[in-house]
Amino acid sequence: MTDSEYIKIYTGGTIIVQIIKQRLEAEGINPIIKDETESGRLAGFGATLIGQPEVFVHESETAVAVRIVETVRSEMEAG
């Protein structure tokens, strides 16, 4: 995703990424989730290194998206 209008806002565990994705979509933001481990699994390749999914959003939505990520992370830490 070089020279792209999309910015990586989070890298982490699958569960937190799914919560972030749901919250972003509720705000009308359509994130791109890049998960090389899952892509490899679906293609039939075994993964020797388990990666962490990454969340990207359009650069114009970064400020709102970062606030959502911070909220989710603080909720997860408090819970």
N, C-alpha and C. Protein backbone atom coordinates (compact mmCIF):
# COMPACT_ATOMS: atom_id res chain seq x y z
N MET A 1 0.82 -1.19 0.00
CA MET A 1 0.00 0.00 0.00
C MET A 1 0.87 1.25 0.00
N THR A 2 1.93 1.25 -0.71
CA THR A 2 2.77 2.43 -0.78
C THR A 2 2.14 3.46 -1.70
N ASP A 3 2.44 4.72 -1.45
CA ASP A 3 1.89 5.83 -2.23
C ASP A 3 0.36 5.75 -2.29
N SER A 4 -0.24 5.39 -1.20
CA SER A 4 -1.68 5.21 -1.14
C SER A 4 -2.31 6.35 -0.35
N GLU A 5 -3.60 6.49 -0.52
CA GLU A 5 -4.35 7.47 0.26
C GLU A 5 -4.86 6.85 1.55
N TYR A 6 -4.43 5.62 1.83
CA TYR A 6 -4.86 4.93 3.04
C TYR A 6 -3.75 4.89 4.06
N ILE A 7 -4.13 5.08 5.32
CA ILE A 7 -3.19 5.17 6.43
C ILE A 7 -3.46 4.00 7.38
N LYS A 8 -2.38 3.35 7.84
CA LYS A 8 -2.53 2.28 8.84
C LYS A 8 -2.76 2.93 10.19
N ILE A 9 -3.86 2.53 10.84
CA ILE A 9 -4.19 3.12 12.14
C ILE A 9 -4.07 2.13 13.29
N TYR A 10 -3.96 0.83 12.97
CA TYR A 10 -3.87 -0.14 14.05
C TYR A 10 -3.32 -1.46 13.53
N THR A 11 -2.53 -2.11 14.36
CA THR A 11 -2.06 -3.48 14.13
C THR A 11 -2.24 -4.22 15.44
N GLY A 12 -2.90 -5.35 15.41
CA GLY A 12 -3.10 -6.08 16.65
C GLY A 12 -3.87 -7.36 16.47
N GLY A 13 -4.40 -7.84 17.56
CA GLY A 13 -5.12 -9.11 17.56
C GLY A 13 -6.42 -9.07 16.77
N THR A 14 -6.81 -10.22 16.28
CA THR A 14 -7.98 -10.35 15.43
C THR A 14 -9.26 -9.87 16.10
N ILE A 15 -9.44 -10.17 17.36
CA ILE A 15 -10.68 -9.79 18.05
C ILE A 15 -10.79 -8.27 18.14
N ILE A 16 -9.72 -7.61 18.56
CA ILE A 16 -9.75 -6.15 18.67
C ILE A 16 -9.94 -5.52 17.30
N VAL A 17 -9.29 -6.08 16.29
CA VAL A 17 -9.44 -5.56 14.93
C VAL A 17 -10.90 -5.65 14.48
N GLN A 18 -11.57 -6.74 14.81
CA GLN A 18 -12.98 -6.88 14.42
C GLN A 18 -13.86 -5.87 15.15
N ILE A 19 -13.58 -5.61 16.42
CA ILE A 19 -14.34 -4.59 17.17
C ILE A 19 -14.12 -3.23 16.55
N ILE A 20 -12.86 -2.90 16.25
CA ILE A 20 -12.55 -1.61 15.62
C ILE A 20 -13.26 -1.49 14.28
N LYS A 21 -13.24 -2.56 13.50
CA LYS A 21 -13.91 -2.56 12.20
C LYS A 21 -15.40 -2.26 12.35
N GLN A 22 -16.04 -2.91 13.30
CA GLN A 22 -17.47 -2.69 13.54
C GLN A 22 -17.75 -1.25 13.94
N ARG A 23 -16.93 -0.70 14.83
CA ARG A 23 -17.12 0.68 15.28
C ARG A 23 -16.91 1.67 14.13
N LEU A 24 -15.88 1.42 13.32
CA LEU A 24 -15.62 2.31 12.18
C LEU A 24 -16.79 2.28 11.21
N GLU A 25 -17.27 1.09 10.90
CA GLU A 25 -18.40 0.97 9.97
C GLU A 25 -19.65 1.65 10.51
N ALA A 26 -19.85 1.60 11.84
CA ALA A 26 -21.00 2.27 12.45
C ALA A 26 -20.92 3.79 12.27
N GLU A 27 -19.70 4.31 12.09
CA GLU A 27 -19.50 5.75 11.87
C GLU A 27 -19.43 6.09 10.38
N GLY A 28 -19.69 5.09 9.53
CA GLY A 28 -19.68 5.33 8.10
C GLY A 28 -18.29 5.28 7.47
N ILE A 29 -17.33 4.73 8.19
CA ILE A 29 -15.96 4.59 7.69
C ILE A 29 -15.78 3.14 7.24
N ASN A 30 -15.31 2.96 6.02
CA ASN A 30 -15.09 1.62 5.48
C ASN A 30 -13.60 1.29 5.55
N PRO A 31 -13.19 0.56 6.59
CA PRO A 31 -11.77 0.24 6.73
C PRO A 31 -11.34 -0.89 5.80
N ILE A 32 -10.06 -0.94 5.55
CA ILE A 32 -9.46 -2.07 4.85
C ILE A 32 -8.67 -2.86 5.89
N ILE A 33 -8.96 -4.15 5.97
CA ILE A 33 -8.27 -5.02 6.91
C ILE A 33 -7.29 -5.87 6.11
N LYS A 34 -6.03 -5.77 6.44
CA LYS A 34 -4.99 -6.56 5.77
C LYS A 34 -4.53 -7.63 6.74
N ASP A 35 -4.79 -8.87 6.39
CA ASP A 35 -4.44 -10.00 7.25
C ASP A 35 -3.76 -11.06 6.40
N GLU A 36 -2.44 -11.00 6.33
CA GLU A 36 -1.69 -11.92 5.48
C GLU A 36 -1.81 -13.37 5.95
N THR A 37 -1.94 -13.59 7.24
CA THR A 37 -2.09 -14.95 7.76
C THR A 37 -3.39 -15.56 7.24
N GLU A 38 -4.48 -14.81 7.35
CA GLU A 38 -5.78 -15.31 6.88
C GLU A 38 -5.78 -15.48 5.37
N SER A 39 -5.17 -14.57 4.64
CA SER A 39 -5.10 -14.68 3.19
C SER A 39 -4.35 -15.95 2.78
N GLY A 40 -3.24 -16.22 3.46
CA GLY A 40 -2.48 -17.43 3.18
C GLY A 40 -3.27 -18.69 3.50
N ARG A 41 -3.99 -18.68 4.61
CA ARG A 41 -4.80 -19.83 4.99
C ARG A 41 -5.87 -20.10 3.95
N LEU A 42 -6.54 -19.05 3.50
CA LEU A 42 -7.60 -19.21 2.50
C LEU A 42 -7.05 -19.70 1.17
N ALA A 43 -5.80 -19.36 0.88
CA ALA A 43 -5.18 -19.80 -0.37
C ALA A 43 -4.61 -21.21 -0.26
N GLY A 44 -4.63 -21.79 0.95
CA GLY A 44 -4.16 -23.15 1.14
C GLY A 44 -2.72 -23.26 1.60
N PHE A 45 -2.13 -22.15 1.99
CA PHE A 45 -0.76 -22.16 2.48
C PHE A 45 -0.76 -22.18 4.00
N GLY A 46 0.12 -22.96 4.57
CA GLY A 46 0.26 -22.96 6.02
C GLY A 46 1.08 -21.76 6.46
N ALA A 47 0.77 -21.23 7.61
CA ALA A 47 1.51 -20.07 8.11
C ALA A 47 2.48 -20.51 9.19
N THR A 48 3.76 -20.23 8.97
CA THR A 48 4.75 -20.54 10.00
C THR A 48 4.87 -19.40 10.99
N LEU A 49 4.65 -18.20 10.52
CA LEU A 49 4.67 -17.03 11.39
C LEU A 49 3.27 -16.43 11.41
N ILE A 50 2.73 -16.33 12.58
CA ILE A 50 1.40 -15.77 12.70
C ILE A 50 1.52 -14.26 12.73
N GLY A 51 0.92 -13.62 11.76
CA GLY A 51 0.95 -12.17 11.69
C GLY A 51 -0.22 -11.56 12.43
N GLN A 52 -0.23 -10.27 12.48
CA GLN A 52 -1.34 -9.57 13.10
C GLN A 52 -2.03 -8.73 12.03
N PRO A 53 -3.36 -8.73 12.03
CA PRO A 53 -4.07 -7.95 11.04
C PRO A 53 -3.81 -6.45 11.24
N GLU A 54 -3.90 -5.72 10.13
CA GLU A 54 -3.70 -4.28 10.14
C GLU A 54 -4.98 -3.61 9.65
N VAL A 55 -5.29 -2.45 10.23
CA VAL A 55 -6.47 -1.69 9.85
C VAL A 55 -6.01 -0.41 9.16
N PHE A 56 -6.54 -0.19 7.96
CA PHE A 56 -6.25 1.02 7.19
C PHE A 56 -7.53 1.78 6.95
N VAL A 57 -7.44 3.11 6.94
CA VAL A 57 -8.58 3.96 6.58
C VAL A 57 -8.10 5.03 5.61
N HIS A 58 -9.05 5.62 4.91
CA HIS A 58 -8.71 6.71 3.99
C HIS A 58 -8.15 7.87 4.82
N GLU A 59 -7.14 8.54 4.27
CA GLU A 59 -6.47 9.61 5.03
C GLU A 59 -7.43 10.70 5.48
N SER A 60 -8.52 10.93 4.78
CA SER A 60 -9.47 11.96 5.17
C SER A 60 -10.28 11.56 6.41
N GLU A 61 -10.25 10.28 6.76
CA GLU A 61 -11.01 9.78 7.91
C GLU A 61 -10.12 9.42 9.10
N THR A 62 -8.86 9.75 9.00
CA THR A 62 -7.89 9.33 10.01
C THR A 62 -8.20 9.86 11.40
N ALA A 63 -8.54 11.13 11.52
CA ALA A 63 -8.75 11.73 12.84
C ALA A 63 -9.88 11.02 13.60
N VAL A 64 -11.00 10.79 12.95
CA VAL A 64 -12.12 10.11 13.59
C VAL A 64 -11.75 8.66 13.90
N ALA A 65 -11.09 8.01 12.96
CA ALA A 65 -10.73 6.60 13.12
C ALA A 65 -9.76 6.40 14.28
N VAL A 66 -8.79 7.28 14.43
CA VAL A 66 -7.82 7.16 15.52
C VAL A 66 -8.53 7.31 16.87
N ARG A 67 -9.48 8.21 16.96
CA ARG A 67 -10.24 8.36 18.21
C ARG A 67 -11.01 7.08 18.54
N ILE A 68 -11.57 6.45 17.52
CA ILE A 68 -12.30 5.19 17.73
C ILE A 68 -11.35 4.11 18.22
N VAL A 69 -10.18 4.00 17.61
CA VAL A 69 -9.18 3.01 18.03
C VAL A 69 -8.78 3.26 19.48
N GLU A 70 -8.53 4.50 19.84
CA GLU A 70 -8.14 4.82 21.21
C GLU A 70 -9.25 4.44 22.20
N THR A 71 -10.50 4.68 21.83
CA THR A 71 -11.62 4.32 22.69
C THR A 71 -11.70 2.81 22.89
N VAL A 72 -11.59 2.07 21.80
CA VAL A 72 -11.65 0.60 21.89
C VAL A 72 -10.50 0.08 22.74
N ARG A 73 -9.30 0.59 22.52
CA ARG A 73 -8.14 0.12 23.29
C ARG A 73 -8.32 0.41 24.78
N SER A 74 -8.83 1.60 25.12
CA SER A 74 -9.01 1.91 26.54
C SER A 74 -10.11 1.05 27.15
N GLU A 75 -11.15 0.74 26.39
CA GLU A 75 -12.19 -0.16 26.89
C GLU A 75 -11.64 -1.56 27.14
N MET A 76 -10.79 -2.03 26.24
CA MET A 76 -10.22 -3.37 26.39
C MET A 76 -9.27 -3.44 27.59
N GLU A 77 -8.52 -2.37 27.84
CA GLU A 77 -7.61 -2.33 28.97
C GLU A 77 -8.37 -2.26 30.29
N ALA A 78 -9.51 -1.54 30.29
CA ALA A 78 -10.29 -1.38 31.51
C ALA A 78 -11.09 -2.63 31.83
N GLY A 79 -11.43 -3.40 30.80
CA GLY A 79 -12.31 -4.55 30.97
C GLY A 79 -11.62 -5.73 31.49
